[in-house]
Amino acid sequence: MRRLCLILPFLFFAFPLTLLAQSKITASEAKNHIGEKASVCGQVVSAHYAARTKGNPTFLNLHEPYPKQIFTILIWGSDRPKFGDPENTYANKKVCVTGIIKDYRGVPEVVAEQPSQIEIQQ
């Protein structure tokens, strides 16, 4: 009984945190969730592989194309081989990316390190 009393408060607080970590939000809502783990969903409307830029990033922009993007999925060059050809794989598709939302120069982004972080929606 004593163990149960110790475990119940933990479960009470941990369960809502688990649900929060798996919440789905739109690309336009992401700016209000900086620092949180969430799934951000939207249409990939522009994509660019910056092969000559430091770190060889790939940018997948949701909802609005660069330079007016409202959310970016960033794939670093070191992780790119895991994704194949992401700028073509995800182009014009509705996707959800899961990760910690960060702010980069006023634009929210999630860094995708694994393909399992990006789910193509039907």
C-alpha atoms as a PDB file:
ATOM      1  CA  MET A   1       0.000   0.000   0.000  1.00  0.00           C
ATOM      2  CA  ARG A   2       2.852   2.320   0.851  1.00  0.00           C
ATOM      3  CA  ARG A   3       4.446   1.737  -2.576  1.00  0.00           C
ATOM      4  CA  LEU A   4       1.152   2.469  -4.260  1.00  0.00           C
ATOM      5  CA  CYS A   5       0.957   5.798  -2.427  1.00  0.00           C
ATOM      6  CA  LEU A   6       4.404   6.681  -3.731  1.00  0.00           C
ATOM      7  CA  ILE A   7       3.687   5.613  -7.316  1.00  0.00           C
ATOM      8  CA  LEU A   8       0.242   7.192  -7.768  1.00  0.00           C
ATOM      9  CA  PRO A   9       1.412  10.827  -7.605  1.00  0.00           C
ATOM     10  CA  PHE A  10       4.106  10.084 -10.173  1.00  0.00           C
ATOM     11  CA  LEU A  11       1.583   8.499 -12.549  1.00  0.00           C
ATOM     12  CA  PHE A  12      -0.791  11.403 -12.033  1.00  0.00           C
ATOM     13  CA  PHE A  13       1.838  13.903 -13.209  1.00  0.00           C
ATOM     14  CA  ALA A  14       3.661  11.741 -15.780  1.00  0.00           C
ATOM     15  CA  PHE A  15       0.583  10.711 -17.766  1.00  0.00           C
ATOM     16  CA  PRO A  16      -0.419  14.269 -18.815  1.00  0.00           C
ATOM     17  CA  LEU A  17       3.213  15.018 -19.737  1.00  0.00           C
ATOM     18  CA  THR A  18       3.242  12.003 -22.033  1.00  0.00           C
ATOM     19  CA  LEU A  19       0.071  13.214 -23.719  1.00  0.00           C
ATOM     20  CA  LEU A  20       1.493  16.712 -24.089  1.00  0.00           C
ATOM     21  CA  ALA A  21       4.669  15.380 -25.698  1.00  0.00           C
ATOM     22  CA  GLN A  22       2.569  13.673 -28.352  1.00  0.00           C
ATOM     23  CA  SER A  23       0.207  16.573 -29.111  1.00  0.00           C
ATOM     24  CA  LYS A  24      -0.289  17.556 -32.751  1.00  0.00           C
ATOM     25  CA  ILE A  25      -0.242  21.205 -33.699  1.00  0.00           C
ATOM     26  CA  THR A  26      -0.289  23.127 -36.963  1.00  0.00           C
ATOM     27  CA  ALA A  27       2.740  24.866 -38.427  1.00  0.00           C
ATOM     28  CA  SER A  28       1.215  28.246 -37.564  1.00  0.00           C
ATOM     29  CA  GLU A  29       0.752  27.206 -33.902  1.00  0.00           C
ATOM     30  CA  ALA A  30       4.385  26.078 -33.503  1.00  0.00           C
ATOM     31  CA  LYS A  31       5.620  29.581 -32.599  1.00  0.00           C
ATOM     32  CA  ASN A  32       3.585  29.321 -29.393  1.00  0.00           C
ATOM     33  CA  HIS A  33       5.281  26.054 -28.356  1.00  0.00           C
ATOM     34  CA  ILE A  34       9.005  26.869 -28.452  1.00  0.00           C
ATOM     35  CA  GLY A  35      10.917  24.482 -26.178  1.00  0.00           C
ATOM     36  CA  GLU A  36       8.160  21.873 -26.176  1.00  0.00           C
ATOM     37  CA  LYS A  37       8.104  18.441 -27.761  1.00  0.00           C
ATOM     38  CA  ALA A  38       5.217  18.128 -30.197  1.00  0.00           C
ATOM     39  CA  SER A  39       4.214  16.876 -33.628  1.00  0.00           C
ATOM     40  CA  VAL A  40       3.961  19.787 -36.034  1.00  0.00           C
ATOM     41  CA  CYS A  41       1.811  19.115 -39.082  1.00  0.00           C
ATOM     42  CA  GLY A  42       1.490  20.867 -42.406  1.00  0.00           C
ATOM     43  CA  GLN A  43       2.112  20.818 -46.140  1.00  0.00           C
ATOM     44  CA  VAL A  44       5.712  20.884 -47.398  1.00  0.00           C
ATOM     45  CA  VAL A  45       5.562  23.756 -49.893  1.00  0.00           C
ATOM     46  CA  SER A  46       9.262  24.318 -50.498  1.00  0.00           C
ATOM     47  CA  ALA A  47      12.389  22.257 -49.984  1.00  0.00           C
ATOM     48  CA  HIS A  48      16.071  22.999 -50.465  1.00  0.00           C
ATOM     49  CA  TYR A  49      19.298  21.051 -50.045  1.00  0.00           C
ATOM     50  CA  ALA A  50      22.051  23.567 -49.288  1.00  0.00           C
ATOM     51  CA  ALA A  51      24.953  21.346 -50.329  1.00  0.00           C
ATOM     52  CA  ARG A  52      27.460  24.235 -50.313  1.00  0.00           C
ATOM     53  CA  THR A  53      26.431  25.613 -46.914  1.00  0.00           C
ATOM     54  CA  LYS A  54      28.216  24.666 -43.685  1.00  0.00           C
ATOM     55  CA  GLY A  55      26.618  21.493 -42.300  1.00  0.00           C
ATOM     56  CA  ASN A  56      24.926  20.717 -45.647  1.00  0.00           C
ATOM     57  CA  PRO A  57      21.400  21.338 -44.348  1.00  0.00           C
ATOM     58  CA  THR A  58      18.155  20.351 -46.025  1.00  0.00           C
ATOM     59  CA  PHE A  59      15.225  22.659 -45.338  1.00  0.00           C
ATOM     60  CA  LEU A  60      11.612  21.529 -45.634  1.00  0.00           C
ATOM     61  CA  ASN A  61       9.305  24.536 -45.240  1.00  0.00           C
ATOM     62  CA  LEU A  62       5.696  24.075 -44.197  1.00  0.00           C
ATOM     63  CA  HIS A  63       2.691  26.200 -45.162  1.00  0.00           C
ATOM     64  CA  GLU A  64       4.637  29.058 -46.809  1.00  0.00           C
ATOM     65  CA  PRO A  65       7.760  28.856 -49.007  1.00  0.00           C
ATOM     66  CA  TYR A  66      11.103  30.431 -48.147  1.00  0.00           C
ATOM     67  CA  PRO A  67      11.656  33.318 -47.368  1.00  0.00           C
ATOM     68  CA  LYS A  68       8.209  33.662 -45.762  1.00  0.00           C
ATOM     69  CA  GLN A  69       8.186  30.181 -44.173  1.00  0.00           C
ATOM     70  CA  ILE A  70       6.320  29.851 -40.912  1.00  0.00           C
ATOM     71  CA  PHE A  71       7.905  26.531 -39.897  1.00  0.00           C
ATOM     72  CA  THR A  72      10.967  24.559 -41.025  1.00  0.00           C
ATOM     73  CA  ILE A  73      12.034  20.949 -40.716  1.00  0.00           C
ATOM     74  CA  LEU A  74      15.835  20.908 -40.683  1.00  0.00           C
ATOM     75  CA  ILE A  75      17.847  17.828 -41.665  1.00  0.00           C
ATOM     76  CA  TRP A  76      21.603  18.203 -41.224  1.00  0.00           C
ATOM     77  CA  GLY A  77      23.911  16.755 -43.861  1.00  0.00           C
ATOM     78  CA  SER A  78      25.297  14.193 -41.404  1.00  0.00           C
ATOM     79  CA  ASP A  79      21.781  12.725 -41.066  1.00  0.00           C
ATOM     80  CA  ARG A  80      20.751  13.168 -44.716  1.00  0.00           C
ATOM     81  CA  PRO A  81      21.807   9.658 -45.888  1.00  0.00           C
ATOM     82  CA  LYS A  82      19.182   8.176 -43.548  1.00  0.00           C
ATOM     83  CA  PHE A  83      16.486  10.148 -45.410  1.00  0.00           C
ATOM     84  CA  GLY A  84      17.585   9.438 -48.996  1.00  0.00           C
ATOM     85  CA  ASP A  85      16.412  12.407 -51.058  1.00  0.00           C
ATOM     86  CA  PRO A  86      14.213  14.310 -48.562  1.00  0.00           C
ATOM     87  CA  GLU A  87      13.517  17.365 -50.701  1.00  0.00           C
ATOM     88  CA  ASN A  88      11.830  15.082 -53.247  1.00  0.00           C
ATOM     89  CA  THR A  89      10.428  12.470 -50.845  1.00  0.00           C
ATOM     90  CA  TYR A  90       8.468  15.051 -48.850  1.00  0.00           C
ATOM     91  CA  ALA A  91       7.806  17.706 -51.533  1.00  0.00           C
ATOM     92  CA  ASN A  92       4.147  18.751 -51.715  1.00  0.00           C
ATOM     93  CA  LYS A  93       3.179  16.194 -49.065  1.00  0.00           C
ATOM     94  CA  LYS A  94       1.304  16.687 -45.835  1.00  0.00           C
ATOM     95  CA  VAL A  95       3.630  15.645 -43.006  1.00  0.00           C
ATOM     96  CA  CYS A  96       3.936  15.672 -39.237  1.00  0.00           C
ATOM     97  CA  VAL A  97       7.381  16.041 -37.683  1.00  0.00           C
ATOM     98  CA  THR A  98       7.937  15.184 -34.034  1.00  0.00           C
ATOM     99  CA  GLY A  99      10.627  16.782 -31.911  1.00  0.00           C
ATOM    100  CA  ILE A 100      11.594  19.735 -29.767  1.00  0.00           C
ATOM    101  CA  ILE A 101      10.449  22.996 -31.334  1.00  0.00           C
ATOM    102  CA  LYS A 102      13.250  25.576 -31.442  1.00  0.00           C
ATOM    103  CA  ASP A 103      13.343  29.161 -32.632  1.00  0.00           C
ATOM    104  CA  TYR A 104      15.817  30.082 -35.354  1.00  0.00           C
ATOM    105  CA  ARG A 105      15.789  33.789 -36.197  1.00  0.00           C
ATOM    106  CA  GLY A 106      12.091  34.094 -35.467  1.00  0.00           C
ATOM    107  CA  VAL A 107      11.050  30.940 -37.323  1.00  0.00           C
ATOM    108  CA  PRO A 108      10.139  27.782 -35.398  1.00  0.00           C
ATOM    109  CA  GLU A 109      11.858  24.587 -36.472  1.00  0.00           C
ATOM    110  CA  VAL A 110      12.384  20.962 -35.572  1.00  0.00           C
ATOM    111  CA  VAL A 111      15.644  19.199 -36.336  1.00  0.00           C
ATOM    112  CA  ALA A 112      14.900  15.750 -37.737  1.00  0.00           C
ATOM    113  CA  GLU A 113      17.687  13.274 -37.039  1.00  0.00           C
ATOM    114  CA  GLN A 114      15.734  10.101 -37.896  1.00  0.00           C
ATOM    115  CA  PRO A 115      13.223   9.397 -40.687  1.00  0.00           C
ATOM    116  CA  SER A 116      10.836   8.066 -38.027  1.00  0.00           C
ATOM    117  CA  GLN A 117      10.395  11.680 -36.856  1.00  0.00           C
ATOM    118  CA  ILE A 118       8.631  12.599 -40.126  1.00  0.00           C
ATOM    119  CA  GLU A 119       5.341  10.917 -40.912  1.00  0.00           C
ATOM    120  CA  ILE A 120       3.641  11.419 -44.291  1.00  0.00           C
ATOM    121  CA  GLN A 121      -0.099  11.968 -43.801  1.00  0.00           C
ATOM    122  CA  GLN A 122      -2.710  10.431 -46.082  1.00  0.00           C
END
